Amino acid sequence: MTHLRQRMHEDLRLRNFSERTVRHYTHTVAEFAKYFHKSPDQLGPEDVRSF
C-alpha cells in the first residue's frame, strides 16, 4: 500500500468511517488516478471537475 493510500485509510478510520466506506473511497480515488494516469497527489480541483 502506498504511503498516500495508507494515510487516507488511517484518516478515514480515525473519523470512524466503516471499513466498507474506507474501501469504497480508496477504490474511487484509485479509479480517479487511473483515469488521468497520475498519482492523486498530482491532481487538483480542475481534474476533479473534469472527472
PDB file of N, CA and C in Angstrom:
ATOM      1  N   MET A   1       0.847  -1.170   0.000  1.00  0.00           N
ATOM      2  CA  MET A   1       0.000   0.000   0.000  1.00  0.00           C
ATOM      3  C   MET A   1       0.894   1.236   0.000  1.00  0.00           C
ATOM      4  N   THR A   2       0.578   2.178  -0.877  1.00  0.00           N
ATOM      5  CA  THR A   2       1.383   3.396  -0.937  1.00  0.00           C
ATOM      6  C   THR A   2       1.185   4.230   0.332  1.00  0.00           C
ATOM      7  N   HIS A   3       2.126   5.119   0.551  1.00  0.00           N
ATOM      8  CA  HIS A   3       2.051   6.000   1.731  1.00  0.00           C
ATOM      9  C   HIS A   3       0.774   6.840   1.693  1.00  0.00           C
ATOM     10  N   LEU A   4       0.445   7.379   0.521  1.00  0.00           N
ATOM     11  CA  LEU A   4      -0.734   8.227   0.399  1.00  0.00           C
ATOM     12  C   LEU A   4      -2.013   7.433   0.701  1.00  0.00           C
ATOM     13  N   ARG A   5      -2.104   6.223   0.165  1.00  0.00           N
ATOM     14  CA  ARG A   5      -3.289   5.381   0.404  1.00  0.00           C
ATOM     15  C   ARG A   5      -3.374   4.994   1.873  1.00  0.00           C
ATOM     16  N   GLN A   6      -2.243   4.664   2.473  1.00  0.00           N
ATOM     17  CA  GLN A   6      -2.213   4.303   3.889  1.00  0.00           C
ATOM     18  C   GLN A   6      -2.678   5.465   4.751  1.00  0.00           C
ATOM     19  N   ARG A   7      -2.216   6.662   4.425  1.00  0.00           N
ATOM     20  CA  ARG A   7      -2.612   7.836   5.197  1.00  0.00           C
ATOM     21  C   ARG A   7      -4.110   8.096   5.058  1.00  0.00           C
ATOM     22  N   MET A   8      -4.628   7.974   3.844  1.00  0.00           N
ATOM     23  CA  MET A   8      -6.065   8.161   3.622  1.00  0.00           C
ATOM     24  C   MET A   8      -6.859   7.144   4.439  1.00  0.00           C
ATOM     25  N   HIS A   9      -6.410   5.892   4.399  1.00  0.00           N
ATOM     26  CA  HIS A   9      -7.077   4.833   5.143  1.00  0.00           C
ATOM     27  C   HIS A   9      -7.092   5.147   6.640  1.00  0.00           C
ATOM     28  N   GLU A  10      -5.958   5.538   7.172  1.00  0.00           N
ATOM     29  CA  GLU A  10      -5.861   5.869   8.598  1.00  0.00           C
ATOM     30  C   GLU A  10      -6.737   7.062   8.960  1.00  0.00           C
ATOM     31  N   ASP A  11      -6.722   8.103   8.123  1.00  0.00           N
ATOM     32  CA  ASP A  11      -7.539   9.286   8.391  1.00  0.00           C
ATOM     33  C   ASP A  11      -9.031   8.955   8.398  1.00  0.00           C
ATOM     34  N   LEU A  12      -9.459   8.127   7.464  1.00  0.00           N
ATOM     35  CA  LEU A  12     -10.876   7.751   7.414  1.00  0.00           C
ATOM     36  C   LEU A  12     -11.258   6.894   8.621  1.00  0.00           C
ATOM     37  N   ARG A  13     -10.384   5.998   9.031  1.00  0.00           N
ATOM     38  CA  ARG A  13     -10.664   5.166  10.206  1.00  0.00           C
ATOM     39  C   ARG A  13     -10.695   6.016  11.475  1.00  0.00           C
ATOM     40  N   LEU A  14      -9.828   7.021  11.572  1.00  0.00           N
ATOM     41  CA  LEU A  14      -9.847   7.908  12.735  1.00  0.00           C
ATOM     42  C   LEU A  14     -11.157   8.686  12.827  1.00  0.00           C
ATOM     43  N   ARG A  15     -11.784   8.910  11.679  1.00  0.00           N
ATOM     44  CA  ARG A  15     -13.073   9.616  11.648  1.00  0.00           C
ATOM     45  C   ARG A  15     -14.256   8.639  11.777  1.00  0.00           C
ATOM     46  N   ASN A  16     -13.927   7.392  12.114  1.00  0.00           N
ATOM     47  CA  ASN A  16     -14.927   6.349  12.355  1.00  0.00           C
ATOM     48  C   ASN A  16     -15.769   5.974  11.144  1.00  0.00           C
ATOM     49  N   PHE A  17     -15.190   6.070   9.953  1.00  0.00           N
ATOM     50  CA  PHE A  17     -15.868   5.571   8.766  1.00  0.00           C
ATOM     51  C   PHE A  17     -15.832   4.046   8.817  1.00  0.00           C
ATOM     52  N   SER A  18     -16.867   3.414   8.301  1.00  0.00           N
ATOM     53  CA  SER A  18     -16.897   1.949   8.278  1.00  0.00           C
ATOM     54  C   SER A  18     -15.832   1.430   7.314  1.00  0.00           C
ATOM     55  N   GLU A  19     -15.454   0.172   7.510  1.00  0.00           N
ATOM     56  CA  GLU A  19     -14.448  -0.436   6.630  1.00  0.00           C
ATOM     57  C   GLU A  19     -14.941  -0.453   5.188  1.00  0.00           C
ATOM     58  N   ARG A  20     -16.215  -0.677   5.002  1.00  0.00           N
ATOM     59  CA  ARG A  20     -16.793  -0.680   3.646  1.00  0.00           C
ATOM     60  C   ARG A  20     -16.655   0.695   2.987  1.00  0.00           C
ATOM     61  N   THR A  21     -16.923   1.748   3.740  1.00  0.00           N
ATOM     62  CA  THR A  21     -16.790   3.112   3.215  1.00  0.00           C
ATOM     63  C   THR A  21     -15.332   3.419   2.892  1.00  0.00           C
ATOM     64  N   VAL A  22     -14.425   3.004   3.760  1.00  0.00           N
ATOM     65  CA  VAL A  22     -12.993   3.219   3.530  1.00  0.00           C
ATOM     66  C   VAL A  22     -12.577   2.538   2.229  1.00  0.00           C
ATOM     67  N   ARG A  23     -13.007   1.291   2.034  1.00  0.00           N
ATOM     68  CA  ARG A  23     -12.680   0.572   0.793  1.00  0.00           C
ATOM     69  C   ARG A  23     -13.266   1.287  -0.422  1.00  0.00           C
ATOM     70  N   HIS A  24     -14.496   1.740  -0.302  1.00  0.00           N
ATOM     71  CA  HIS A  24     -15.150   2.417  -1.428  1.00  0.00           C
ATOM     72  C   HIS A  24     -14.415   3.720  -1.774  1.00  0.00           C
ATOM     73  N   TYR A  25     -14.095   4.523  -0.784  1.00  0.00           N
ATOM     74  CA  TYR A  25     -13.401   5.787  -1.025  1.00  0.00           C
ATOM     75  C   TYR A  25     -12.021   5.563  -1.641  1.00  0.00           C
ATOM     76  N   THR A  26     -11.269   4.605  -1.101  1.00  0.00           N
ATOM     77  CA  THR A  26      -9.934   4.371  -1.648  1.00  0.00           C
ATOM     78  C   THR A  26     -10.022   3.804  -3.070  1.00  0.00           C
ATOM     79  N   HIS A  27     -11.016   2.987  -3.322  1.00  0.00           N
ATOM     80  CA  HIS A  27     -11.220   2.474  -4.679  1.00  0.00           C
ATOM     81  C   HIS A  27     -11.548   3.618  -5.644  1.00  0.00           C
ATOM     82  N   THR A  28     -12.406   4.522  -5.216  1.00  0.00           N
ATOM     83  CA  THR A  28     -12.792   5.652  -6.063  1.00  0.00           C
ATOM     84  C   THR A  28     -11.602   6.551  -6.363  1.00  0.00           C
ATOM     85  N   VAL A  29     -10.775   6.811  -5.378  1.00  0.00           N
ATOM     86  CA  VAL A  29      -9.577   7.627  -5.600  1.00  0.00           C
ATOM     87  C   VAL A  29      -8.619   6.902  -6.551  1.00  0.00           C
ATOM     88  N   ALA A  30      -8.511   5.593  -6.421  1.00  0.00           N
ATOM     89  CA  ALA A  30      -7.658   4.824  -7.325  1.00  0.00           C
ATOM     90  C   ALA A  30      -8.173   4.910  -8.762  1.00  0.00           C
ATOM     91  N   GLU A  31      -9.479   4.821  -8.956  1.00  0.00           N
ATOM     92  CA  GLU A  31     -10.065   4.954 -10.291  1.00  0.00           C
ATOM     93  C   GLU A  31      -9.841   6.357 -10.855  1.00  0.00           C
ATOM     94  N   PHE A  32      -9.949   7.354 -10.011  1.00  0.00           N
ATOM     95  CA  PHE A  32      -9.692   8.747 -10.392  1.00  0.00           C
ATOM     96  C   PHE A  32      -8.256   8.902 -10.903  1.00  0.00           C
ATOM     97  N   ALA A  33      -7.300   8.365 -10.157  1.00  0.00           N
ATOM     98  CA  ALA A  33      -5.887   8.445 -10.550  1.00  0.00           C
ATOM     99  C   ALA A  33      -5.624   7.653 -11.826  1.00  0.00           C
ATOM    100  N   LYS A  34      -6.241   6.503 -11.935  1.00  0.00           N
ATOM    101  CA  LYS A  34      -6.077   5.661 -13.113  1.00  0.00           C
ATOM    102  C   LYS A  34      -6.584   6.369 -14.371  1.00  0.00           C
ATOM    103  N   TYR A  35      -7.679   7.079 -14.241  1.00  0.00           N
ATOM    104  CA  TYR A  35      -8.272   7.809 -15.356  1.00  0.00           C
ATOM    105  C   TYR A  35      -7.284   8.818 -15.944  1.00  0.00           C
ATOM    106  N   PHE A  36      -6.547   9.505 -15.074  1.00  0.00           N
ATOM    107  CA  PHE A  36      -5.601  10.524 -15.510  1.00  0.00           C
ATOM    108  C   PHE A  36      -4.174  10.004 -15.670  1.00  0.00           C
ATOM    109  N   HIS A  37      -3.934   8.757 -15.307  1.00  0.00           N
ATOM    110  CA  HIS A  37      -2.581   8.164 -15.360  1.00  0.00           C
ATOM    111  C   HIS A  37      -1.592   8.977 -14.544  1.00  0.00           C
ATOM    112  N   LYS A  38      -2.055   9.431 -13.383  1.00  0.00           N
ATOM    113  CA  LYS A  38      -1.209  10.203 -12.468  1.00  0.00           C
ATOM    114  C   LYS A  38      -1.532   9.806 -11.032  1.00  0.00           C
ATOM    115  N   SER A  39      -0.609  10.132 -10.143  1.00  0.00           N
ATOM    116  CA  SER A  39      -0.844   9.935  -8.723  1.00  0.00           C
ATOM    117  C   SER A  39      -1.879  10.961  -8.249  1.00  0.00           C
ATOM    118  N   PRO A  40      -2.743  10.607  -7.297  1.00  0.00           N
ATOM    119  CA  PRO A  40      -3.740  11.559  -6.804  1.00  0.00           C
ATOM    120  C   PRO A  40      -3.127  12.853  -6.252  1.00  0.00           C
ATOM    121  N   ASP A  41      -1.912  12.760  -5.717  1.00  0.00           N
ATOM    122  CA  ASP A  41      -1.294  13.966  -5.173  1.00  0.00           C
ATOM    123  C   ASP A  41      -0.821  14.929  -6.270  1.00  0.00           C
ATOM    124  N   GLN A  42      -0.888  14.509  -7.533  1.00  0.00           N
ATOM    125  CA  GLN A  42      -0.528  15.372  -8.657  1.00  0.00           C
ATOM    126  C   GLN A  42      -1.763  15.956  -9.341  1.00  0.00           C
ATOM    127  N   LEU A  43      -2.941  15.654  -8.821  1.00  0.00           N
ATOM    128  CA  LEU A  43      -4.185  16.104  -9.433  1.00  0.00           C
ATOM    129  C   LEU A  43      -4.830  17.178  -8.570  1.00  0.00           C
ATOM    130  N   GLY A  44      -5.639  18.014  -9.199  1.00  0.00           N
ATOM    131  CA  GLY A  44      -6.241  19.113  -8.463  1.00  0.00           C
ATOM    132  C   GLY A  44      -7.725  19.277  -8.740  1.00  0.00           C
ATOM    133  N   PRO A  45      -8.269  20.407  -8.306  1.00  0.00           N
ATOM    134  CA  PRO A  45      -9.706  20.664  -8.431  1.00  0.00           C
ATOM    135  C   PRO A  45     -10.225  20.616  -9.879  1.00  0.00           C
ATOM    136  N   GLU A  46      -9.439  21.098 -10.819  1.00  0.00           N
ATOM    137  CA  GLU A  46      -9.881  21.057 -12.212  1.00  0.00           C
ATOM    138  C   GLU A  46      -9.997  19.624 -12.712  1.00  0.00           C
ATOM    139  N   ASP A  47      -9.100  18.771 -12.248  1.00  0.00           N
ATOM    140  CA  ASP A  47      -9.168  17.359 -12.624  1.00  0.00           C
ATOM    141  C   ASP A  47     -10.413  16.706 -12.036  1.00  0.00           C
ATOM    142  N   VAL A  48     -10.750  17.074 -10.821  1.00  0.00           N
ATOM    143  CA  VAL A  48     -11.966  16.546 -10.190  1.00  0.00           C
ATOM    144  C   VAL A  48     -13.189  16.958 -11.002  1.00  0.00           C
ATOM    145  N   ARG A  49     -13.225  18.199 -11.414  1.00  0.00           N
ATOM    146  CA  ARG A  49     -14.368  18.690 -12.203  1.00  0.00           C
ATOM    147  C   ARG A  49     -14.494  17.961 -13.530  1.00  0.00           C
ATOM    148  N   SER A  50     -13.376  17.693 -14.180  1.00  0.00           N
ATOM    149  CA  SER A  50     -13.439  17.039 -15.477  1.00  0.00           C
ATOM    150  C   SER A  50     -13.665  15.537 -15.368  1.00  0.00           C
ATOM    151  N   PHE A  51     -13.386  14.961 -14.220  1.00  0.00           N
ATOM    152  CA  PHE A  51     -13.593  13.543 -14.000  1.00  0.00           C
ATOM    153  C   PHE A  51     -15.085  13.267 -13.913  1.00  0.00           C
TER     154      PHE A  51
END
